[in-house]
């Protein structure tokens, strides 16, 4: 089964049309504490009218 990141990458690639990836797309950035923020602009996608609950996923990862 593909990981969450693999599924996201596949979905993102399927949205790329020359405009979406430059105007909307996906933004990933760091948080003030250990972690990342991911924002996905669904404008002009088949998911634009869907409602979603906030999703949080925590991972234990040793970064050395």
C-alpha atoms as a PDB file:
ATOM      1  CA  UNK A   1       0.000   0.000   0.000  1.00  0.00           C
ATOM      2  CA  UNK A   2       1.408   3.438  -0.925  1.00  0.00           C
ATOM      3  CA  UNK A   3       2.350   5.761   1.928  1.00  0.00           C
ATOM      4  CA  UNK A   4       0.469   8.987   2.602  1.00  0.00           C
ATOM      5  CA  UNK A   5       3.297  10.943   0.956  1.00  0.00           C
ATOM      6  CA  UNK A   6       3.274   8.695  -2.128  1.00  0.00           C
ATOM      7  CA  UNK A   7      -0.515   9.086  -2.493  1.00  0.00           C
ATOM      8  CA  UNK A   8      -0.220  12.875  -2.099  1.00  0.00           C
ATOM      9  CA  UNK A   9       2.554  13.051  -4.717  1.00  0.00           C
ATOM     10  CA  UNK A  10       0.506  10.979  -7.158  1.00  0.00           C
ATOM     11  CA  UNK A  11      -2.613  13.122  -6.640  1.00  0.00           C
ATOM     12  CA  UNK A  12      -0.578  16.324  -7.033  1.00  0.00           C
ATOM     13  CA  UNK A  13       0.944  15.086 -10.299  1.00  0.00           C
ATOM     14  CA  UNK A  14      -2.541  14.298 -11.618  1.00  0.00           C
ATOM     15  CA  UNK A  15      -3.634  17.923 -10.954  1.00  0.00           C
ATOM     16  CA  UNK A  16      -0.750  19.548 -12.810  1.00  0.00           C
ATOM     17  CA  UNK A  17      -2.102  21.278 -15.895  1.00  0.00           C
ATOM     18  CA  UNK A  18       0.343  24.134 -16.371  1.00  0.00           C
ATOM     19  CA  UNK A  19      -1.663  26.476 -14.119  1.00  0.00           C
ATOM     20  CA  UNK A  20      -2.826  24.673 -10.982  1.00  0.00           C
ATOM     21  CA  UNK A  21       0.665  23.866  -9.738  1.00  0.00           C
ATOM     22  CA  UNK A  22       1.696  27.536 -10.077  1.00  0.00           C
ATOM     23  CA  UNK A  23      -1.491  29.217  -8.820  1.00  0.00           C
ATOM     24  CA  UNK A  24      -2.745  26.774  -6.150  1.00  0.00           C
ATOM     25  CA  UNK A  25      -0.780  23.614  -5.403  1.00  0.00           C
ATOM     26  CA  UNK A  26       0.677  22.298  -2.180  1.00  0.00           C
ATOM     27  CA  UNK A  27       2.684  24.251   0.361  1.00  0.00           C
ATOM     28  CA  UNK A  28       4.848  22.502   2.967  1.00  0.00           C
ATOM     29  CA  UNK A  29       6.667  24.364   5.712  1.00  0.00           C
ATOM     30  CA  UNK A  30       8.095  23.913   9.192  1.00  0.00           C
ATOM     31  CA  UNK A  31       6.251  24.581  12.452  1.00  0.00           C
ATOM     32  CA  UNK A  32       7.749  26.425  15.425  1.00  0.00           C
ATOM     33  CA  UNK A  33       8.073  23.084  17.201  1.00  0.00           C
ATOM     34  CA  UNK A  34       9.221  19.852  15.591  1.00  0.00           C
ATOM     35  CA  UNK A  35       6.865  19.173  12.727  1.00  0.00           C
ATOM     36  CA  UNK A  36       5.569  20.308   9.360  1.00  0.00           C
ATOM     37  CA  UNK A  37       2.535  22.169   8.096  1.00  0.00           C
ATOM     38  CA  UNK A  38       0.948  21.054   4.816  1.00  0.00           C
ATOM     39  CA  UNK A  39      -1.651  23.190   3.025  1.00  0.00           C
ATOM     40  CA  UNK A  40      -3.355  21.958  -0.135  1.00  0.00           C
ATOM     41  CA  UNK A  41      -5.363  24.412  -2.242  1.00  0.00           C
ATOM     42  CA  UNK A  42      -8.174  22.398  -3.812  1.00  0.00           C
ATOM     43  CA  UNK A  43      -9.372  25.202  -6.104  1.00  0.00           C
ATOM     44  CA  UNK A  44     -10.025  23.888  -9.633  1.00  0.00           C
ATOM     45  CA  UNK A  45      -9.802  20.228  -8.553  1.00  0.00           C
ATOM     46  CA  UNK A  46     -12.495  17.558  -8.324  1.00  0.00           C
ATOM     47  CA  UNK A  47     -12.279  17.981  -4.526  1.00  0.00           C
ATOM     48  CA  UNK A  48     -12.978  21.732  -4.498  1.00  0.00           C
ATOM     49  CA  UNK A  49     -16.560  21.386  -3.205  1.00  0.00           C
ATOM     50  CA  UNK A  50     -15.838  18.615  -0.686  1.00  0.00           C
ATOM     51  CA  UNK A  51     -15.618  19.347   3.035  1.00  0.00           C
ATOM     52  CA  UNK A  52     -12.798  17.854   5.060  1.00  0.00           C
ATOM     53  CA  UNK A  53     -11.936  17.602   8.724  1.00  0.00           C
ATOM     54  CA  UNK A  54      -8.501  18.731   9.826  1.00  0.00           C
ATOM     55  CA  UNK A  55      -6.057  15.846   9.622  1.00  0.00           C
ATOM     56  CA  UNK A  56      -3.084  15.382  11.897  1.00  0.00           C
ATOM     57  CA  UNK A  57      -0.628  12.529  11.692  1.00  0.00           C
ATOM     58  CA  UNK A  58       2.243  12.160  14.119  1.00  0.00           C
ATOM     59  CA  UNK A  59       5.396  10.204  13.421  1.00  0.00           C
ATOM     60  CA  UNK A  60       8.231   9.167  15.665  1.00  0.00           C
ATOM     61  CA  UNK A  61      11.440   9.776  13.723  1.00  0.00           C
ATOM     62  CA  UNK A  62      14.998  10.060  14.904  1.00  0.00           C
ATOM     63  CA  UNK A  63      16.803  12.669  12.794  1.00  0.00           C
ATOM     64  CA  UNK A  64      20.520  12.371  13.289  1.00  0.00           C
END
